[in-house]
Every structure is written in structure tokens, then in C-alpha cells.
C-alpha atoms as a PDB file:
ATOM      1  CA  MET A   1      -7.688 -24.575 -27.222  1.00  0.00           C
ATOM      2  CA  THR A   2      -7.506 -24.876 -23.454  1.00  0.00           C
ATOM      3  CA  LYS A   3      -9.014 -22.011 -21.605  1.00  0.00           C
ATOM      4  CA  LEU A   4      -6.736 -20.120 -19.297  1.00  0.00           C
ATOM      5  CA  SER A   5      -7.417 -19.555 -15.646  1.00  0.00           C
ATOM      6  CA  ILE A   6      -7.353 -16.097 -14.035  1.00  0.00           C
ATOM      7  CA  GLU A   7      -3.849 -16.806 -12.642  1.00  0.00           C
ATOM      8  CA  ASP A   8      -2.533 -18.208 -15.935  1.00  0.00           C
ATOM      9  CA  LEU A   9      -3.887 -15.177 -17.849  1.00  0.00           C
ATOM     10  CA  ALA A  10      -2.437 -12.730 -15.304  1.00  0.00           C
ATOM     11  CA  ALA A  11       0.981 -14.380 -15.508  1.00  0.00           C
ATOM     12  CA  GLU A  12       0.947 -14.315 -19.301  1.00  0.00           C
ATOM     13  CA  LEU A  13       0.056 -10.572 -19.292  1.00  0.00           C
ATOM     14  CA  ILE A  14       2.828  -9.874 -16.806  1.00  0.00           C
ATOM     15  CA  ARG A  15       5.246 -11.729 -19.097  1.00  0.00           C
ATOM     16  CA  LYS A  16       4.096  -9.530 -21.985  1.00  0.00           C
ATOM     17  CA  ILE A  17       4.470  -6.362 -19.997  1.00  0.00           C
ATOM     18  CA  GLU A  18       7.983  -7.353 -18.786  1.00  0.00           C
ATOM     19  CA  ALA A  19       9.040  -8.138 -22.334  1.00  0.00           C
ATOM     20  CA  GLY A  20       7.521  -4.898 -23.745  1.00  0.00           C
ATOM     21  CA  ASP A  21       5.319  -6.901 -26.074  1.00  0.00           C
ATOM     22  CA  ILE A  22       1.968  -5.286 -25.112  1.00  0.00           C
ATOM     23  CA  GLY A  23       0.647  -1.797 -24.906  1.00  0.00           C
ATOM     24  CA  ASN A  24       1.091   1.233 -27.136  1.00  0.00           C
ATOM     25  CA  GLU A  25       3.605   4.024 -26.767  1.00  0.00           C
ATOM     26  CA  GLN A  26       1.469   5.572 -24.120  1.00  0.00           C
ATOM     27  CA  GLY A  27       1.300   2.352 -22.205  1.00  0.00           C
ATOM     28  CA  LYS A  28      -2.338   1.701 -23.040  1.00  0.00           C
ATOM     29  CA  MET A  29      -3.263  -1.959 -22.985  1.00  0.00           C
ATOM     30  CA  PRO A  30      -5.350  -3.523 -25.779  1.00  0.00           C
ATOM     31  CA  SER A  31      -9.116  -3.246 -25.249  1.00  0.00           C
ATOM     32  CA  GLU A  32     -11.126  -6.007 -23.633  1.00  0.00           C
ATOM     33  CA  ARG A  33     -12.460  -6.952 -27.142  1.00  0.00           C
ATOM     34  CA  GLU A  34      -8.966  -7.159 -28.483  1.00  0.00           C
ATOM     35  CA  LEU A  35      -7.743  -9.268 -25.602  1.00  0.00           C
ATOM     36  CA  LEU A  36     -10.664 -11.604 -25.801  1.00  0.00           C
ATOM     37  CA  ALA A  37      -9.752 -12.187 -29.434  1.00  0.00           C
ATOM     38  CA  ILE A  38      -6.252 -13.130 -28.417  1.00  0.00           C
ATOM     39  CA  TYR A  39      -6.773 -15.240 -25.359  1.00  0.00           C
ATOM     40  CA  PRO A  40      -9.330 -18.111 -24.842  1.00  0.00           C
ATOM     41  CA  VAL A  41     -11.043 -16.773 -21.806  1.00  0.00           C
ATOM     42  CA  SER A  42     -14.402 -15.427 -20.684  1.00  0.00           C
ATOM     43  CA  ARG A  43     -14.979 -11.715 -20.115  1.00  0.00           C
ATOM     44  CA  TYR A  44     -15.227 -12.465 -16.377  1.00  0.00           C
ATOM     45  CA  THR A  45     -11.808 -14.169 -16.334  1.00  0.00           C
ATOM     46  CA  LEU A  46     -10.243 -11.284 -18.313  1.00  0.00           C
ATOM     47  CA  ARG A  47     -11.575  -8.686 -15.983  1.00  0.00           C
ATOM     48  CA  GLN A  48     -10.528 -10.547 -12.864  1.00  0.00           C
ATOM     49  CA  ALA A  49      -6.947 -11.026 -14.417  1.00  0.00           C
ATOM     50  CA  LEU A  50      -6.813  -7.222 -15.137  1.00  0.00           C
ATOM     51  CA  ASN A  51      -8.094  -6.483 -11.693  1.00  0.00           C
ATOM     52  CA  LYS A  52      -5.331  -8.742 -10.255  1.00  0.00           C
ATOM     53  CA  LEU A  53      -2.624  -6.930 -12.280  1.00  0.00           C
ATOM     54  CA  SER A  54      -4.047  -3.556 -10.991  1.00  0.00           C
ATOM     55  CA  LYS A  55      -3.784  -4.722  -7.337  1.00  0.00           C
ATOM     56  CA  MET A  56      -0.195  -6.047  -7.928  1.00  0.00           C
ATOM     57  CA  GLY A  57       0.802  -2.602  -9.350  1.00  0.00           C
ATOM     58  CA  TRP A  58       1.469  -3.667 -13.024  1.00  0.00           C
ATOM     59  CA  ILE A  59      -1.349  -1.538 -14.463  1.00  0.00           C
ATOM     60  CA  TYR A  60      -3.881   1.108 -13.512  1.00  0.00           C
ATOM     61  CA  GLN A  61      -7.335   1.227 -14.798  1.00  0.00           C
ATOM     62  CA  MET A  62      -9.298   4.377 -15.876  1.00  0.00           C
ATOM     63  CA  GLN A  63     -13.010   4.193 -16.146  1.00  0.00           C
ATOM     64  CA  GLY A  64     -14.157   4.579 -19.756  1.00  0.00           C
ATOM     65  CA  ARG A  65     -10.596   4.750 -21.112  1.00  0.00           C
ATOM     66  CA  GLY A  66      -9.206   1.259 -20.450  1.00  0.00           C
ATOM     67  CA  SER A  67      -6.068  -0.138 -18.708  1.00  0.00           C
ATOM     68  CA  TYR A  68      -2.589   1.428 -18.750  1.00  0.00           C
ATOM     69  CA  ILE A  69       0.760  -0.074 -17.868  1.00  0.00           C
ATOM     70  CA  ARG A  70       2.433   1.621 -14.892  1.00  0.00           C
ATOM     71  CA  PHE A  71       5.731   3.066 -16.101  1.00  0.00           C
ATOM     72  CA  GLN A  72       7.846   1.678 -13.224  1.00  0.00           C
ATOM     73  CA  SER A  73       6.458  -1.798 -13.639  1.00  0.00           C
ATOM     74  CA  ASN A  74       7.834  -2.665 -17.067  1.00  0.00           C
ATOM     75  CA  GLN A  75      11.289  -1.208 -16.532  1.00  0.00           C
ATOM     76  CA  LYS A  76      14.509  -3.175 -15.915  1.00  0.00           C
ATOM     77  CA  PRO A  77      16.231  -3.018 -13.564  1.00  0.00           C
ATOM     78  CA  THR A  78      13.244  -3.114 -11.233  1.00  0.00           C
ATOM     79  CA  ILE A  79      12.909  -0.889  -8.249  1.00  0.00           C
ATOM     80  CA  GLU A  80      11.853  -2.271  -4.860  1.00  0.00           C
ATOM     81  CA  GLN A  81      10.823  -0.356  -1.723  1.00  0.00           C
ATOM     82  CA  GLY A  82      13.304  -0.524   1.069  1.00  0.00           C
ATOM     83  CA  ASP A  83      12.611  -2.744   4.024  1.00  0.00           C
ATOM     84  CA  LEU A  84      11.707   0.106   6.348  1.00  0.00           C
ATOM     85  CA  GLY A  85       8.264   0.431   7.930  1.00  0.00           C
ATOM     86  CA  PHE A  86       5.242   2.588   7.393  1.00  0.00           C
ATOM     87  CA  ASN A  87       7.049   5.714   8.521  1.00  0.00           C
ATOM     88  CA  GLU A  88      10.706   4.900   8.773  1.00  0.00           C
ATOM     89  CA  ASP A  89      11.057   5.380   4.979  1.00  0.00           C
ATOM     90  CA  LEU A  90      10.580   9.094   5.496  1.00  0.00           C
ATOM     91  CA  THR A  91      13.760   9.453   7.587  1.00  0.00           C
ATOM     92  CA  ARG A  92      17.362   8.490   6.899  1.00  0.00           C
ATOM     93  CA  GLY A  93      17.500   5.391   9.095  1.00  0.00           C
ATOM     94  CA  GLU A  94      19.895   6.719  11.673  1.00  0.00           C
ATOM     95  CA  LYS A  95      17.084   8.622  13.406  1.00  0.00           C
ATOM     96  CA  ASN A  96      15.557   7.027  16.568  1.00  0.00           C
ATOM     97  CA  ILE A  97      11.843   6.499  16.087  1.00  0.00           C
ATOM     98  CA  ARG A  98      10.148   5.211  19.198  1.00  0.00           C
ATOM     99  CA  THR A  99       6.529   4.278  19.982  1.00  0.00           C
ATOM    100  CA  VAL A 100       5.344   6.093  23.216  1.00  0.00           C
ATOM    101  CA  LYS A 101       1.748   5.184  23.056  1.00  0.00           C
ATOM    102  CA  ALA A 102      -0.165   2.430  21.173  1.00  0.00           C
ATOM    103  CA  SER A 103      -3.520   0.759  21.033  1.00  0.00           C
ATOM    104  CA  LYS A 104      -5.283  -1.839  18.920  1.00  0.00           C
ATOM    105  CA  ARG A 105      -8.840  -2.977  18.526  1.00  0.00           C
ATOM    106  CA  LEU A 106     -10.986  -4.945  16.075  1.00  0.00           C
ATOM    107  CA  VAL A 107     -13.302  -2.881  13.912  1.00  0.00           C
ATOM    108  CA  LYS A 108     -15.686  -3.458  11.085  1.00  0.00           C
ATOM    109  CA  ALA A 109     -15.115  -1.768   7.651  1.00  0.00           C
ATOM    110  CA  ALA A 110     -18.263   0.320   8.251  1.00  0.00           C
ATOM    111  CA  ASP A 111     -16.600   1.876  11.336  1.00  0.00           C
ATOM    112  CA  ALA A 112     -13.080   2.442   9.788  1.00  0.00           C
ATOM    113  CA  LEU A 113     -12.210   6.008   9.540  1.00  0.00           C
ATOM    114  CA  PHE A 114     -10.862   5.526   5.966  1.00  0.00           C
ATOM    115  CA  LEU A 115     -10.614   2.711   3.495  1.00  0.00           C
ATOM    116  CA  PRO A 116      -8.078   1.699   0.809  1.00  0.00           C
ATOM    117  CA  SER A 117      -8.151   3.522  -2.500  1.00  0.00           C
ATOM    118  CA  HIS A 118      -8.798   0.697  -4.940  1.00  0.00           C
ATOM    119  CA  LYS A 119     -10.480  -2.046  -3.017  1.00  0.00           C
ATOM    120  CA  GLN A 120     -14.001  -2.547  -1.785  1.00  0.00           C
ATOM    121  CA  PHE A 121     -14.821  -4.414   1.393  1.00  0.00           C
ATOM    122  CA  ALA A 122     -18.144  -5.730   2.857  1.00  0.00           C
ATOM    123  CA  LYS A 123     -19.432  -3.597   5.714  1.00  0.00           C
ATOM    124  CA  ASP A 124     -18.980  -6.460   8.148  1.00  0.00           C
ATOM    125  CA  GLN A 125     -15.338  -7.166   7.077  1.00  0.00           C
ATOM    126  CA  HIS A 126     -13.145  -6.797  10.219  1.00  0.00           C
ATOM    127  CA  PHE A 127      -9.825  -5.061  10.457  1.00  0.00           C
ATOM    128  CA  ILE A 128      -7.199  -4.820  13.225  1.00  0.00           C
ATOM    129  CA  GLU A 129      -6.972  -1.101  13.847  1.00  0.00           C
ATOM    130  CA  VAL A 130      -3.591  -0.028  15.284  1.00  0.00           C
ATOM    131  CA  GLN A 131      -2.994   3.502  16.508  1.00  0.00           C
ATOM    132  CA  ARG A 132       0.535   4.589  17.490  1.00  0.00           C
ATOM    133  CA  PHE A 133       1.975   7.862  18.778  1.00  0.00           C
ATOM    134  CA  ARG A 134       5.664   7.981  17.883  1.00  0.00           C
ATOM    135  CA  THR A 135       8.715  10.286  18.600  1.00  0.00           C
ATOM    136  CA  LEU A 136      11.735  11.039  16.478  1.00  0.00           C
ATOM    137  CA  ASP A 137      14.769  11.552  18.673  1.00  0.00           C
ATOM    138  CA  ASP A 138      12.390  11.904  21.667  1.00  0.00           C
ATOM    139  CA  LYS A 139      10.316  14.709  20.010  1.00  0.00           C
ATOM    140  CA  PRO A 140       6.753  14.167  19.008  1.00  0.00           C
ATOM    141  CA  TYR A 141       6.897  13.121  15.301  1.00  0.00           C
ATOM    142  CA  LEU A 142       3.863  11.232  13.984  1.00  0.00           C
ATOM    143  CA  ILE A 143       0.474   9.718  14.710  1.00  0.00           C
ATOM    144  CA  GLU A 144      -0.240   6.591  12.750  1.00  0.00           C
ATOM    145  CA  ARG A 145      -3.572   4.784  12.324  1.00  0.00           C
ATOM    146  CA  SER A 146      -3.357   1.506  10.336  1.00  0.00           C
ATOM    147  CA  TYR A 147      -5.743  -1.250   9.500  1.00  0.00           C
ATOM    148  CA  TYR A 148      -4.529  -4.730   9.005  1.00  0.00           C
ATOM    149  CA  ILE A 149      -6.344  -7.649   7.306  1.00  0.00           C
ATOM    150  CA  PRO A 150      -6.757 -10.188  10.134  1.00  0.00           C
ATOM    151  CA  GLU A 151      -7.133 -13.112   7.797  1.00  0.00           C
ATOM    152  CA  ILE A 152      -3.559 -12.419   6.557  1.00  0.00           C
ATOM    153  CA  VAL A 153      -1.662 -11.120   9.581  1.00  0.00           C
ATOM    154  CA  GLY A 154      -3.351 -13.118  12.362  1.00  0.00           C
ATOM    155  CA  LYS A 155      -2.759 -11.679  15.849  1.00  0.00           C
ATOM    156  CA  ILE A 156      -0.702  -8.532  16.424  1.00  0.00           C
ATOM    157  CA  SER A 157       1.297  -8.514  19.659  1.00  0.00           C
ATOM    158  CA  GLU A 158       2.221  -5.627  21.843  1.00  0.00           C
ATOM    159  CA  THR A 159       5.865  -6.158  21.004  1.00  0.00           C
ATOM    160  CA  MET A 160       5.103  -5.913  17.272  1.00  0.00           C
ATOM    161  CA  MET A 161       3.690  -2.411  17.832  1.00  0.00           C
ATOM    162  CA  GLU A 162       6.797  -1.045  19.456  1.00  0.00           C
ATOM    163  CA  GLY A 163       9.028  -0.991  16.320  1.00  0.00           C
ATOM    164  CA  SER A 164       8.637  -1.463  12.658  1.00  0.00           C
ATOM    165  CA  MET A 165       5.407  -3.371  11.830  1.00  0.00           C
ATOM    166  CA  PHE A 166       6.754  -4.451   8.486  1.00  0.00           C
ATOM    167  CA  GLN A 167       9.982  -5.853   9.889  1.00  0.00           C
ATOM    168  CA  ALA A 168       7.994  -7.677  12.586  1.00  0.00           C
ATOM    169  CA  LEU A 169       5.539  -9.185  10.079  1.00  0.00           C
ATOM    170  CA  ALA A 170       8.471 -10.303   7.960  1.00  0.00           C
ATOM    171  CA  GLU A 171      10.375 -11.918  10.803  1.00  0.00           C
ATOM    172  CA  GLU A 172       7.454 -13.415  12.765  1.00  0.00           C
ATOM    173  CA  LYS A 173       4.932 -14.227  10.072  1.00  0.00           C
ATOM    174  CA  GLN A 174       7.025 -14.336   6.861  1.00  0.00           C
ATOM    175  CA  LEU A 175       4.932 -11.628   5.271  1.00  0.00           C
ATOM    176  CA  THR A 176       6.959  -9.382   3.012  1.00  0.00           C
ATOM    177  CA  VAL A 177       5.549  -6.200   1.467  1.00  0.00           C
ATOM    178  CA  ALA A 178       6.215  -6.104  -2.307  1.00  0.00           C
ATOM    179  CA  PHE A 179       4.882  -2.613  -3.132  1.00  0.00           C
ATOM    180  CA  ILE A 180       3.174   0.357  -1.550  1.00  0.00           C
ATOM    181  CA  ASP A 181       0.988   2.963  -3.061  1.00  0.00           C
ATOM    182  CA  LYS A 182       1.469   6.286  -1.288  1.00  0.00           C
ATOM    183  CA  PHE A 183      -0.729   9.372  -1.334  1.00  0.00           C
ATOM    184  CA  ILE A 184       0.539  12.635   0.194  1.00  0.00           C
ATOM    185  CA  GLN A 185      -1.624  15.462   1.290  1.00  0.00           C
ATOM    186  CA  SER A 186      -2.056  18.063   4.077  1.00  0.00           C
ATOM    187  CA  LYS A 187      -5.019  18.595   6.466  1.00  0.00           C
ATOM    188  CA  PRO A 188      -5.581  20.628   9.669  1.00  0.00           C
ATOM    189  CA  LEU A 189      -4.739  18.897  12.999  1.00  0.00           C
ATOM    190  CA  THR A 190      -7.576  17.878  15.329  1.00  0.00           C
ATOM    191  CA  LYS A 191      -7.452  18.852  19.013  1.00  0.00           C
ATOM    192  CA  GLU A 192      -6.037  15.529  20.068  1.00  0.00           C
ATOM    193  CA  GLN A 193      -3.385  15.533  17.362  1.00  0.00           C
ATOM    194  CA  ALA A 194      -2.374  19.106  17.948  1.00  0.00           C
ATOM    195  CA  ALA A 195      -1.911  18.414  21.682  1.00  0.00           C
ATOM    196  CA  PHE A 196       0.616  15.597  20.889  1.00  0.00           C
ATOM    197  CA  PHE A 197       2.650  17.809  18.567  1.00  0.00           C
ATOM    198  CA  HIS A 198       2.407  20.848  20.871  1.00  0.00           C
ATOM    199  CA  LEU A 199       0.791  22.842  18.081  1.00  0.00           C
ATOM    200  CA  GLU A 200      -2.564  24.755  17.798  1.00  0.00           C
ATOM    201  CA  GLU A 201      -5.694  22.941  16.644  1.00  0.00           C
ATOM    202  CA  GLY A 202      -6.220  23.525  12.908  1.00  0.00           C
ATOM    203  CA  MET A 203      -2.585  23.924  11.996  1.00  0.00           C
ATOM    204  CA  PRO A 204      -1.305  21.902   9.022  1.00  0.00           C
ATOM    205  CA  ALA A 205      -0.042  18.349   9.158  1.00  0.00           C
ATOM    206  CA  LEU A 206       1.729  16.386   6.490  1.00  0.00           C
ATOM    207  CA  ILE A 207      -0.286  13.266   5.822  1.00  0.00           C
ATOM    208  CA  VAL A 208       0.775  10.094   4.055  1.00  0.00           C
ATOM    209  CA  ARG A 209      -1.727   7.453   3.109  1.00  0.00           C
ATOM    210  CA  ASP A 210      -0.320   3.944   2.462  1.00  0.00           C
ATOM    211  CA  ASP A 211      -1.858   0.968   0.709  1.00  0.00           C
ATOM    212  CA  SER A 212       0.525  -1.983   1.212  1.00  0.00           C
ATOM    213  CA  TYR A 213       0.482  -5.161  -0.881  1.00  0.00           C
ATOM    214  CA  LEU A 214       2.121  -8.561  -0.747  1.00  0.00           C
ATOM    215  CA  ARG A 215       3.888 -10.145  -3.722  1.00  0.00           C
ATOM    216  CA  ASN A 216       0.726 -12.057  -4.704  1.00  0.00           C
ATOM    217  CA  GLY A 217      -1.185  -8.674  -5.015  1.00  0.00           C
ATOM    218  CA  GLU A 218      -3.091  -9.197  -1.785  1.00  0.00           C
ATOM    219  CA  LEU A 219      -3.726  -6.045   0.271  1.00  0.00           C
ATOM    220  CA  LEU A 220      -1.975  -6.526   3.630  1.00  0.00           C
ATOM    221  CA  ALA A 221      -2.750  -3.189   5.260  1.00  0.00           C
ATOM    222  CA  PHE A 222      -3.647   0.518   4.734  1.00  0.00           C
ATOM    223  CA  SER A 223      -2.712   3.371   6.907  1.00  0.00           C
ATOM    224  CA  MET A 224      -2.862   7.174   7.472  1.00  0.00           C
ATOM    225  CA  ILE A 225       0.065   8.877   9.104  1.00  0.00           C
ATOM    226  CA  HIS A 226       0.104  12.569  10.411  1.00  0.00           C
ATOM    227  CA  TYR A 227       3.565  14.062  10.735  1.00  0.00           C
ATOM    228  CA  ASP A 228       4.640  17.256  12.448  1.00  0.00           C
ATOM    229  CA  TYR A 229       5.300  19.402   9.446  1.00  0.00           C
ATOM    230  CA  ARG A 230       8.251  21.105  11.128  1.00  0.00           C
ATOM    231  CA  MET A 231      10.130  17.777  11.343  1.00  0.00           C
ATOM    232  CA  ALA A 232       9.020  15.693   8.424  1.00  0.00           C
ATOM    233  CA  THR A 233      11.402  15.403   5.401  1.00  0.00           C
ATOM    234  CA  LEU A 234      10.396  13.291   2.548  1.00  0.00           C
ATOM    235  CA  TYR A 235      13.137  10.813   1.903  1.00  0.00           C
ATOM    236  CA  MET A 236      12.593   7.554   0.109  1.00  0.00           C
ATOM    237  CA  HIS A 237      15.276   4.909   0.208  1.00  0.00           C
ATOM    238  CA  LYS A 238      15.080   2.515  -2.698  1.00  0.00           C
ATOM    239  CA  LYS A 239      17.158  -0.422  -3.776  1.00  0.00           C
ATOM    240  CA  ILE A 240      18.019  -1.203  -7.405  1.00  0.00           C
ATOM    241  CA  ILE A 241      17.839  -4.925  -8.277  1.00  0.00           C
ATOM    242  CA  LEU A 242      19.799  -5.787 -11.411  1.00  0.00           C
END
């Protein structure tokens, strides 16, 4: 029997997940031993394929417990994130979000203020760090700090930073985000952040962490956005694809 490659095995597992032919009632995938008995692959190939599925959002892995199918990934019709940017998906579209201050620089992973949740980088890996101060209907609204993978996005122009980065990447570089993992929390504002929002240092901010992936499972960017809690309303526009 011909051995499967990592890509072939990942494609086969996705087909099984979509068809509902794998996993128990709780969505737990077969163990590594069980999968190795089914597919002609090495343990390395199996683990790389499972890691690929995890990055693509099909499964999540729990140390010591195995792999589980994400509920939204094996449902039809599928749900896709709207084509709004890092922050525009928290408003209703008709609002006017504008960049009033922006900066960018090349930094190493060791110097990044935060890193993605499920991916490790070498300390000398470079990112394009973009920081933007943005208003909503001319009122201070958010502070965004994002890190882009330069090997994927190439150069980021000043024009791209003015509006939706996702839209600019799609139009100028044909890079389309397929799914985004979001993490929402609250932390106190720093002195600089509080000054922008006209609030006191230490007051709460609504924070959204994004890990954004392409259709092939590659991480495109990761970001942290601080919102003025008085103005932020969680609103997610999603489109049903039949």
C-alpha cells in the first residue's frame, strides 16, 4: 500500500470529518494508535497532518486527551467570517472607522509584545509590527497592534494601513483570510492608551486577540486590539454558504 503524504492524509481526514465518518459523539478523534492502524503513514506524518488540521480550524488538540473535532467545522451549511477587517467586524458596517495615527517596524519574535496562541516561532523570526490608533465617527475608539508574517504579506504600504488591512491584502496581494480565532478579555489601560481614549490610567479596556489564517492553514497575522469599553459593541457579521 502506498504511503500517504502529510497533505494527502490531512485531505482524507478533512473528508471524513465533513462526511461525519470519524469521531465519537463528543467529537473525539481516534487515538494515534488507532489512526496508524488505519492509514499507511509514519507517526511523524500523522502528527504533522493533525497539526495541520488544528491550524486550519478543523480540530483542537488537548494534551494527554487527544484530538477533538471543532463543532463548527463539520457542520453544513458552513459559516464563514465576513470580509471586514481586524476591528470592523465589531461594528455594523455603517460606522466610519478611520486611522488617525499609524506606524510600522520590523521586529524579531523575541521582541514581540505577544505571540499567537498555538504556534511557536524561532526567536529570530521577523514580523512586521503595525500599530494603529483609530476613531469611530471621529471619536477615539481603538488601539490595534498587529504582527504580520513578512514571508507571506511582503511589504505593507502606508496606504494599506489607512483602511481595512484584510481588504487591502485581498485586493493587492490576493491573500484571503479563511478563519480567525478570537480571544476576548479585559485589562487595565496603560498611560499612553488611557490618554488616547481620554480615560484614566488603569481603567478597563475591552481587548480582542486575533489569530488569522489563510485557507491553506498558514498563519497570516495575529493582533491585539484595545477598545474604549464605552463604545465597543460586540457584533459579528457572518455569512451562510449553502
